[in-house]
Amino acid sequence: MQNFEQSLRKKLKTIDCEIRPSGSKGNDFEIVSPENDHFWLYWHSLPKWQLFWRPWGRSRCVKAQEWERKIREAIENVVSC
């Protein structure tokens, strides 16, 4: 799992996103876009994972949807390796 996290961290860095522990126990992380959109990533056991958008008081805008798409592509790329 640590290898997955390191690979994902590198991949997300290429799209200027940050990944950090969510603060809760388990296999979940918070991913933050350059636009300050927050996403929550949880994986049950690879390759099963879920990504949720955390609005933090913002309405779901087109930019957030674009970042979600980019983040999902990055995750899928790492999982498929």
PDB file of N, CA and C in Angstrom:
ATOM      1  N   MET A   1       0.823  -1.192   0.000  1.00  0.00           N
ATOM      2  CA  MET A   1       0.000   0.000   0.000  1.00  0.00           C
ATOM      3  C   MET A   1       0.868   1.257   0.000  1.00  0.00           C
ATOM      4  N   GLN A   2       1.996   1.207   0.688  1.00  0.00           N
ATOM      5  CA  GLN A   2       2.884   2.363   0.725  1.00  0.00           C
ATOM      6  C   GLN A   2       3.420   2.671  -0.673  1.00  0.00           C
ATOM      7  N   ASN A   3       3.708   1.622  -1.450  1.00  0.00           N
ATOM      8  CA  ASN A   3       4.180   1.805  -2.818  1.00  0.00           C
ATOM      9  C   ASN A   3       3.108   2.512  -3.653  1.00  0.00           C
ATOM     10  N   PHE A   4       1.847   2.119  -3.455  1.00  0.00           N
ATOM     11  CA  PHE A   4       0.732   2.766  -4.152  1.00  0.00           C
ATOM     12  C   PHE A   4       0.679   4.248  -3.791  1.00  0.00           C
ATOM     13  N   GLU A   5       0.794   4.540  -2.507  1.00  0.00           N
ATOM     14  CA  GLU A   5       0.735   5.934  -2.056  1.00  0.00           C
ATOM     15  C   GLU A   5       1.872   6.760  -2.662  1.00  0.00           C
ATOM     16  N   GLN A   6       3.077   6.218  -2.679  1.00  0.00           N
ATOM     17  CA  GLN A   6       4.220   6.935  -3.251  1.00  0.00           C
ATOM     18  C   GLN A   6       4.025   7.176  -4.747  1.00  0.00           C
ATOM     19  N   SER A   7       3.558   6.151  -5.452  1.00  0.00           N
ATOM     20  CA  SER A   7       3.320   6.292  -6.890  1.00  0.00           C
ATOM     21  C   SER A   7       2.231   7.322  -7.168  1.00  0.00           C
ATOM     22  N   LEU A   8       1.169   7.282  -6.366  1.00  0.00           N
ATOM     23  CA  LEU A   8       0.077   8.237  -6.550  1.00  0.00           C
ATOM     24  C   LEU A   8       0.542   9.657  -6.237  1.00  0.00           C
ATOM     25  N   ARG A   9       1.327   9.804  -5.195  1.00  0.00           N
ATOM     26  CA  ARG A   9       1.857  11.125  -4.834  1.00  0.00           C
ATOM     27  C   ARG A   9       2.651  11.721  -6.007  1.00  0.00           C
ATOM     28  N   LYS A  10       3.495  10.909  -6.630  1.00  0.00           N
ATOM     29  CA  LYS A  10       4.286  11.368  -7.783  1.00  0.00           C
ATOM     30  C   LYS A  10       3.380  11.747  -8.955  1.00  0.00           C
ATOM     31  N   LYS A  11       2.377  10.914  -9.216  1.00  0.00           N
ATOM     32  CA  LYS A  11       1.466  11.168 -10.338  1.00  0.00           C
ATOM     33  C   LYS A  11       0.653  12.443 -10.106  1.00  0.00           C
ATOM     34  N   LEU A  12       0.152  12.625  -8.886  1.00  0.00           N
ATOM     35  CA  LEU A  12      -0.641  13.818  -8.576  1.00  0.00           C
ATOM     36  C   LEU A  12       0.211  15.085  -8.635  1.00  0.00           C
ATOM     37  N   LYS A  13       1.476  14.952  -8.297  1.00  0.00           N
ATOM     38  CA  LYS A  13       2.370  16.111  -8.351  1.00  0.00           C
ATOM     39  C   LYS A  13       2.496  16.633  -9.782  1.00  0.00           C
ATOM     40  N   THR A  14       2.396  15.744 -10.771  1.00  0.00           N
ATOM     41  CA  THR A  14       2.497  16.167 -12.173  1.00  0.00           C
ATOM     42  C   THR A  14       1.308  17.028 -12.599  1.00  0.00           C
ATOM     43  N   ILE A  15       0.191  16.927 -11.874  1.00  0.00           N
ATOM     44  CA  ILE A  15      -0.972  17.776 -12.173  1.00  0.00           C
ATOM     45  C   ILE A  15      -1.172  18.829 -11.076  1.00  0.00           C
ATOM     46  N   ASP A  16      -0.119  19.061 -10.289  1.00  0.00           N
ATOM     47  CA  ASP A  16      -0.101  20.098  -9.250  1.00  0.00           C
ATOM     48  C   ASP A  16      -1.105  19.879  -8.130  1.00  0.00           C
ATOM     49  N   CYS A  17      -1.424  18.619  -7.836  1.00  0.00           N
ATOM     50  CA  CYS A  17      -2.313  18.305  -6.721  1.00  0.00           C
ATOM     51  C   CYS A  17      -1.498  17.772  -5.546  1.00  0.00           C
ATOM     52  N   GLU A  18      -2.022  17.976  -4.367  1.00  0.00           N
ATOM     53  CA  GLU A  18      -1.363  17.536  -3.143  1.00  0.00           C
ATOM     54  C   GLU A  18      -2.185  16.413  -2.514  1.00  0.00           C
ATOM     55  N   ILE A  19      -1.501  15.414  -1.974  1.00  0.00           N
ATOM     56  CA  ILE A  19      -2.189  14.341  -1.258  1.00  0.00           C
ATOM     57  C   ILE A  19      -1.655  14.321   0.167  1.00  0.00           C
ATOM     58  N   ARG A  20      -2.575  14.160   1.122  1.00  0.00           N
ATOM     59  CA  ARG A  20      -2.166  14.108   2.526  1.00  0.00           C
ATOM     60  C   ARG A  20      -3.124  13.213   3.295  1.00  0.00           C
ATOM     61  N   PRO A  21      -2.674  12.674   4.433  1.00  0.00           N
ATOM     62  CA  PRO A  21      -3.568  11.838   5.234  1.00  0.00           C
ATOM     63  C   PRO A  21      -4.804  12.634   5.647  1.00  0.00           C
ATOM     64  N   SER A  22      -5.940  11.950   5.706  1.00  0.00           N
ATOM     65  CA  SER A  22      -7.189  12.646   6.040  1.00  0.00           C
ATOM     66  C   SER A  22      -7.328  12.900   7.532  1.00  0.00           C
ATOM     67  N   GLY A  23      -6.529  12.219   8.331  1.00  0.00           N
ATOM     68  CA  GLY A  23      -6.627  12.391   9.773  1.00  0.00           C
ATOM     69  C   GLY A  23      -7.412  11.286  10.454  1.00  0.00           C
ATOM     70  N   SER A  24      -8.136  10.486   9.685  1.00  0.00           N
ATOM     71  CA  SER A  24      -8.856   9.361  10.273  1.00  0.00           C
ATOM     72  C   SER A  24      -8.046   8.091  10.057  1.00  0.00           C
ATOM     73  N   LYS A  25      -8.406   7.055  10.773  1.00  0.00           N
ATOM     74  CA  LYS A  25      -7.687   5.789  10.632  1.00  0.00           C
ATOM     75  C   LYS A  25      -8.138   5.080   9.367  1.00  0.00           C
ATOM     76  N   GLY A  26      -7.247   4.304   8.788  1.00  0.00           N
ATOM     77  CA  GLY A  26      -7.616   3.541   7.608  1.00  0.00           C
ATOM     78  C   GLY A  26      -6.899   4.011   6.367  1.00  0.00           C
ATOM     79  N   ASN A  27      -7.367   3.532   5.251  1.00  0.00           N
ATOM     80  CA  ASN A  27      -6.741   3.821   3.964  1.00  0.00           C
ATOM     81  C   ASN A  27      -7.441   4.975   3.264  1.00  0.00           C
ATOM     82  N   ASP A  28      -7.373   6.144   3.838  1.00  0.00           N
ATOM     83  CA  ASP A  28      -8.016   7.279   3.193  1.00  0.00           C
ATOM     84  C   ASP A  28      -7.109   8.501   3.231  1.00  0.00           C
ATOM     85  N   PHE A  29      -7.275   9.319   2.203  1.00  0.00           N
ATOM     86  CA  PHE A  29      -6.444  10.502   2.038  1.00  0.00           C
ATOM     87  C   PHE A  29      -7.282  11.656   1.532  1.00  0.00           C
ATOM     88  N   GLU A  30      -6.779  12.840   1.761  1.00  0.00           N
ATOM     89  CA  GLU A  30      -7.380  14.041   1.209  1.00  0.00           C
ATOM     90  C   GLU A  30      -6.491  14.492   0.053  1.00  0.00           C
ATOM     91  N   ILE A  31      -7.106  14.829  -1.060  1.00  0.00           N
ATOM     92  CA  ILE A  31      -6.391  15.335  -2.226  1.00  0.00           C
ATOM     93  C   ILE A  31      -6.891  16.753  -2.469  1.00  0.00           C
ATOM     94  N   VAL A  32      -5.954  17.676  -2.635  1.00  0.00           N
ATOM     95  CA  VAL A  32      -6.309  19.082  -2.811  1.00  0.00           C
ATOM     96  C   VAL A  32      -5.784  19.563  -4.160  1.00  0.00           C
ATOM     97  N   SER A  33      -6.682  20.143  -4.949  1.00  0.00           N
ATOM     98  CA  SER A  33      -6.309  20.675  -6.266  1.00  0.00           C
ATOM     99  C   SER A  33      -5.689  22.062  -6.105  1.00  0.00           C
ATOM    100  N   PRO A  34      -5.033  22.568  -7.147  1.00  0.00           N
ATOM    101  CA  PRO A  34      -4.496  23.931  -7.091  1.00  0.00           C
ATOM    102  C   PRO A  34      -5.586  24.995  -6.903  1.00  0.00           C
ATOM    103  N   GLU A  35      -6.818  24.646  -7.246  1.00  0.00           N
ATOM    104  CA  GLU A  35      -7.955  25.565  -7.079  1.00  0.00           C
ATOM    105  C   GLU A  35      -8.551  25.466  -5.673  1.00  0.00           C
ATOM    106  N   ASN A  36      -7.909  24.677  -4.802  1.00  0.00           N
ATOM    107  CA  ASN A  36      -8.340  24.442  -3.422  1.00  0.00           C
ATOM    108  C   ASN A  36      -9.638  23.636  -3.334  1.00  0.00           C
ATOM    109  N   ASP A  37      -9.877  22.771  -4.325  1.00  0.00           N
ATOM    110  CA  ASP A  37     -10.980  21.817  -4.246  1.00  0.00           C
ATOM    111  C   ASP A  37     -10.468  20.609  -3.474  1.00  0.00           C
ATOM    112  N   HIS A  38     -11.264  20.137  -2.531  1.00  0.00           N
ATOM    113  CA  HIS A  38     -10.848  19.028  -1.684  1.00  0.00           C
ATOM    114  C   HIS A  38     -11.595  17.760  -2.085  1.00  0.00           C
ATOM    115  N   PHE A  39     -10.847  16.659  -2.181  1.00  0.00           N
ATOM    116  CA  PHE A  39     -11.407  15.355  -2.510  1.00  0.00           C
ATOM    117  C   PHE A  39     -10.951  14.364  -1.454  1.00  0.00           C
ATOM    118  N   TRP A  40     -11.769  13.369  -1.202  1.00  0.00           N
ATOM    119  CA  TRP A  40     -11.447  12.339  -0.238  1.00  0.00           C
ATOM    120  C   TRP A  40     -11.302  11.032  -0.996  1.00  0.00           C
ATOM    121  N   LEU A  41     -10.153  10.390  -0.860  1.00  0.00           N
ATOM    122  CA  LEU A  41      -9.875   9.119  -1.523  1.00  0.00           C
ATOM    123  C   LEU A  41      -9.867   8.018  -0.481  1.00  0.00           C
ATOM    124  N   TYR A  42     -10.659   6.982  -0.727  1.00  0.00           N
ATOM    125  CA  TYR A  42     -10.682   5.818   0.159  1.00  0.00           C
ATOM    126  C   TYR A  42     -10.518   4.575  -0.689  1.00  0.00           C
ATOM    127  N   TRP A  43      -9.604   3.697  -0.296  1.00  0.00           N
ATOM    128  CA  TRP A  43      -9.516   2.431  -1.011  1.00  0.00           C
ATOM    129  C   TRP A  43      -9.754   1.292  -0.042  1.00  0.00           C
ATOM    130  N   HIS A  44     -10.576   0.351  -0.483  1.00  0.00           N
ATOM    131  CA  HIS A  44     -10.930  -0.816   0.324  1.00  0.00           C
ATOM    132  C   HIS A  44      -9.774  -1.796   0.286  1.00  0.00           C
ATOM    133  N   SER A  45      -9.422  -2.193  -0.879  1.00  0.00           N
ATOM    134  CA  SER A  45      -8.243  -3.009  -1.181  1.00  0.00           C
ATOM    135  C   SER A  45      -8.071  -2.855  -2.676  1.00  0.00           C
ATOM    136  N   LEU A  46      -6.863  -2.607  -3.078  1.00  0.00           N
ATOM    137  CA  LEU A  46      -6.647  -2.350  -4.503  1.00  0.00           C
ATOM    138  C   LEU A  46      -7.119  -3.522  -5.325  1.00  0.00           C
ATOM    139  N   PRO A  47      -7.770  -3.333  -6.428  1.00  0.00           N
ATOM    140  CA  PRO A  47      -7.939  -2.072  -7.144  1.00  0.00           C
ATOM    141  C   PRO A  47      -9.227  -1.320  -6.811  1.00  0.00           C
ATOM    142  N   LYS A  48      -9.922  -1.658  -5.717  1.00  0.00           N
ATOM    143  CA  LYS A  48     -11.191  -0.991  -5.391  1.00  0.00           C
ATOM    144  C   LYS A  48     -10.933   0.293  -4.612  1.00  0.00           C
ATOM    145  N   TRP A  49     -11.421   1.408  -5.139  1.00  0.00           N
ATOM    146  CA  TRP A  49     -11.249   2.698  -4.495  1.00  0.00           C
ATOM    147  C   TRP A  49     -12.442   3.581  -4.800  1.00  0.00           C
ATOM    148  N   GLN A  50     -12.604   4.628  -3.989  1.00  0.00           N
ATOM    149  CA  GLN A  50     -13.681   5.594  -4.184  1.00  0.00           C
ATOM    150  C   GLN A  50     -13.108   6.994  -4.012  1.00  0.00           C
ATOM    151  N   LEU A  51     -13.606   7.917  -4.793  1.00  0.00           N
ATOM    152  CA  LEU A  51     -13.198   9.312  -4.683  1.00  0.00           C
ATOM    153  C   LEU A  51     -14.450  10.153  -4.478  1.00  0.00           C
ATOM    154  N   PHE A  52     -14.433  10.975  -3.446  1.00  0.00           N
ATOM    155  CA  PHE A  52     -15.563  11.849  -3.137  1.00  0.00           C
ATOM    156  C   PHE A  52     -15.093  13.293  -3.145  1.00  0.00           C
ATOM    157  N   TRP A  53     -15.941  14.171  -3.652  1.00  0.00           N
ATOM    158  CA  TRP A  53     -15.654  15.601  -3.631  1.00  0.00           C
ATOM    159  C   TRP A  53     -16.163  16.179  -2.331  1.00  0.00           C
ATOM    160  N   ARG A  54     -15.342  16.986  -1.670  1.00  0.00           N
ATOM    161  CA  ARG A  54     -15.734  17.633  -0.417  1.00  0.00           C
ATOM    162  C   ARG A  54     -15.870  19.126  -0.690  1.00  0.00           C
ATOM    163  N   PRO A  55     -17.088  19.625  -0.791  1.00  0.00           N
ATOM    164  CA  PRO A  55     -17.290  20.999  -1.253  1.00  0.00           C
ATOM    165  C   PRO A  55     -16.788  22.106  -0.323  1.00  0.00           C
ATOM    166  N   TRP A  56     -16.678  21.869   0.948  1.00  0.00           N
ATOM    167  CA  TRP A  56     -16.211  22.905   1.873  1.00  0.00           C
ATOM    168  C   TRP A  56     -16.945  24.226   1.642  1.00  0.00           C
ATOM    169  N   GLY A  57     -18.261  24.150   1.477  1.00  0.00           N
ATOM    170  CA  GLY A  57     -19.069  25.356   1.332  1.00  0.00           C
ATOM    171  C   GLY A  57     -19.160  25.906  -0.083  1.00  0.00           C
ATOM    172  N   ARG A  58     -18.503  25.252  -1.031  1.00  0.00           N
ATOM    173  CA  ARG A  58     -18.542  25.731  -2.417  1.00  0.00           C
ATOM    174  C   ARG A  58     -19.526  24.902  -3.224  1.00  0.00           C
ATOM    175  N   SER A  59     -20.158  25.553  -4.187  1.00  0.00           N
ATOM    176  CA  SER A  59     -21.017  24.791  -5.087  1.00  0.00           C
ATOM    177  C   SER A  59     -20.125  24.034  -6.066  1.00  0.00           C
ATOM    178  N   ARG A  60     -20.638  22.943  -6.589  1.00  0.00           N
ATOM    179  CA  ARG A  60     -19.841  22.124  -7.501  1.00  0.00           C
ATOM    180  C   ARG A  60     -19.712  22.850  -8.835  1.00  0.00           C
ATOM    181  N   CYS A  61     -18.541  23.372  -9.092  1.00  0.00           N
ATOM    182  CA  CYS A  61     -18.323  24.148 -10.308  1.00  0.00           C
ATOM    183  C   CYS A  61     -17.639  23.294 -11.373  1.00  0.00           C
ATOM    184  N   VAL A  62     -17.570  23.835 -12.558  1.00  0.00           N
ATOM    185  CA  VAL A  62     -16.955  23.135 -13.686  1.00  0.00           C
ATOM    186  C   VAL A  62     -15.490  22.828 -13.386  1.00  0.00           C
ATOM    187  N   LYS A  63     -14.789  23.767 -12.743  1.00  0.00           N
ATOM    188  CA  LYS A  63     -13.376  23.546 -12.421  1.00  0.00           C
ATOM    189  C   LYS A  63     -13.207  22.345 -11.496  1.00  0.00           C
ATOM    190  N   ALA A  64     -14.079  22.209 -10.496  1.00  0.00           N
ATOM    191  CA  ALA A  64     -13.993  21.066  -9.577  1.00  0.00           C
ATOM    192  C   ALA A  64     -14.222  19.765 -10.335  1.00  0.00           C
ATOM    193  N   GLN A  65     -15.154  19.774 -11.273  1.00  0.00           N
ATOM    194  CA  GLN A  65     -15.409  18.578 -12.080  1.00  0.00           C
ATOM    195  C   GLN A  65     -14.194  18.233 -12.931  1.00  0.00           C
ATOM    196  N   GLU A  66     -13.535  19.247 -13.451  1.00  0.00           N
ATOM    197  CA  GLU A  66     -12.326  19.036 -14.254  1.00  0.00           C
ATOM    198  C   GLU A  66     -11.209  18.427 -13.398  1.00  0.00           C
ATOM    199  N   TRP A  67     -11.030  18.956 -12.183  1.00  0.00           N
ATOM    200  CA  TRP A  67     -10.006  18.397 -11.294  1.00  0.00           C
ATOM    201  C   TRP A  67     -10.356  16.977 -10.888  1.00  0.00           C
ATOM    202  N   GLU A  68     -11.637  16.712 -10.652  1.00  0.00           N
ATOM    203  CA  GLU A  68     -12.040  15.350 -10.301  1.00  0.00           C
ATOM    204  C   GLU A  68     -11.687  14.389 -11.431  1.00  0.00           C
ATOM    205  N   ARG A  69     -11.927  14.792 -12.667  1.00  0.00           N
ATOM    206  CA  ARG A  69     -11.600  13.946 -13.815  1.00  0.00           C
ATOM    207  C   ARG A  69     -10.096  13.677 -13.876  1.00  0.00           C
ATOM    208  N   LYS A  70      -9.290  14.726 -13.708  1.00  0.00           N
ATOM    209  CA  LYS A  70      -7.836  14.571 -13.750  1.00  0.00           C
ATOM    210  C   LYS A  70      -7.336  13.664 -12.624  1.00  0.00           C
ATOM    211  N   ILE A  71      -7.895  13.838 -11.435  1.00  0.00           N
ATOM    212  CA  ILE A  71      -7.485  13.029 -10.286  1.00  0.00           C
ATOM    213  C   ILE A  71      -7.879  11.574 -10.499  1.00  0.00           C
ATOM    214  N   ARG A  72      -9.101  11.337 -10.985  1.00  0.00           N
ATOM    215  CA  ARG A  72      -9.535   9.960 -11.274  1.00  0.00           C
ATOM    216  C   ARG A  72      -8.615   9.298 -12.301  1.00  0.00           C
ATOM    217  N   GLU A  73      -8.240  10.036 -13.337  1.00  0.00           N
ATOM    218  CA  GLU A  73      -7.328   9.493 -14.351  1.00  0.00           C
ATOM    219  C   GLU A  73      -5.979   9.138 -13.734  1.00  0.00           C
ATOM    220  N   ALA A  74      -5.482   9.991 -12.840  1.00  0.00           N
ATOM    221  CA  ALA A  74      -4.202   9.722 -12.178  1.00  0.00           C
ATOM    222  C   ALA A  74      -4.291   8.462 -11.321  1.00  0.00           C
ATOM    223  N   ILE A  75      -5.382   8.329 -10.568  1.00  0.00           N
ATOM    224  CA  ILE A  75      -5.565   7.147  -9.713  1.00  0.00           C
ATOM    225  C   ILE A  75      -5.658   5.895 -10.568  1.00  0.00           C
ATOM    226  N   GLU A  76      -6.474   5.934 -11.612  1.00  0.00           N
ATOM    227  CA  GLU A  76      -6.638   4.769 -12.486  1.00  0.00           C
ATOM    228  C   GLU A  76      -5.317   4.378 -13.139  1.00  0.00           C
ATOM    229  N   ASN A  77      -4.515   5.370 -13.494  1.00  0.00           N
ATOM    230  CA  ASN A  77      -3.214   5.100 -14.094  1.00  0.00           C
ATOM    231  C   ASN A  77      -2.302   4.364 -13.116  1.00  0.00           C
ATOM    232  N   VAL A  78      -2.288   4.785 -11.858  1.00  0.00           N
ATOM    233  CA  VAL A  78      -1.443   4.145 -10.844  1.00  0.00           C
ATOM    234  C   VAL A  78      -1.964   2.751 -10.509  1.00  0.00           C
ATOM    235  N   VAL A  79      -3.280   2.601 -10.382  1.00  0.00           N
ATOM    236  CA  VAL A  79      -3.871   1.302 -10.041  1.00  0.00           C
ATOM    237  C   VAL A  79      -3.614   0.278 -11.140  1.00  0.00           C
ATOM    238  N   SER A  80      -3.642   0.721 -12.393  1.00  0.00           N
ATOM    239  CA  SER A  80      -3.481  -0.214 -13.512  1.00  0.00           C
ATOM    240  C   SER A  80      -2.039  -0.685 -13.694  1.00  0.00           C
ATOM    241  N   CYS A  81      -1.088  -0.024 -13.065  1.00  0.00           N
ATOM    242  CA  CYS A  81       0.334  -0.416 -13.212  1.00  0.00           C
ATOM    243  C   CYS A  81       0.675  -1.649 -12.398  1.00  0.00           C
TER     244      CYS A  81
END
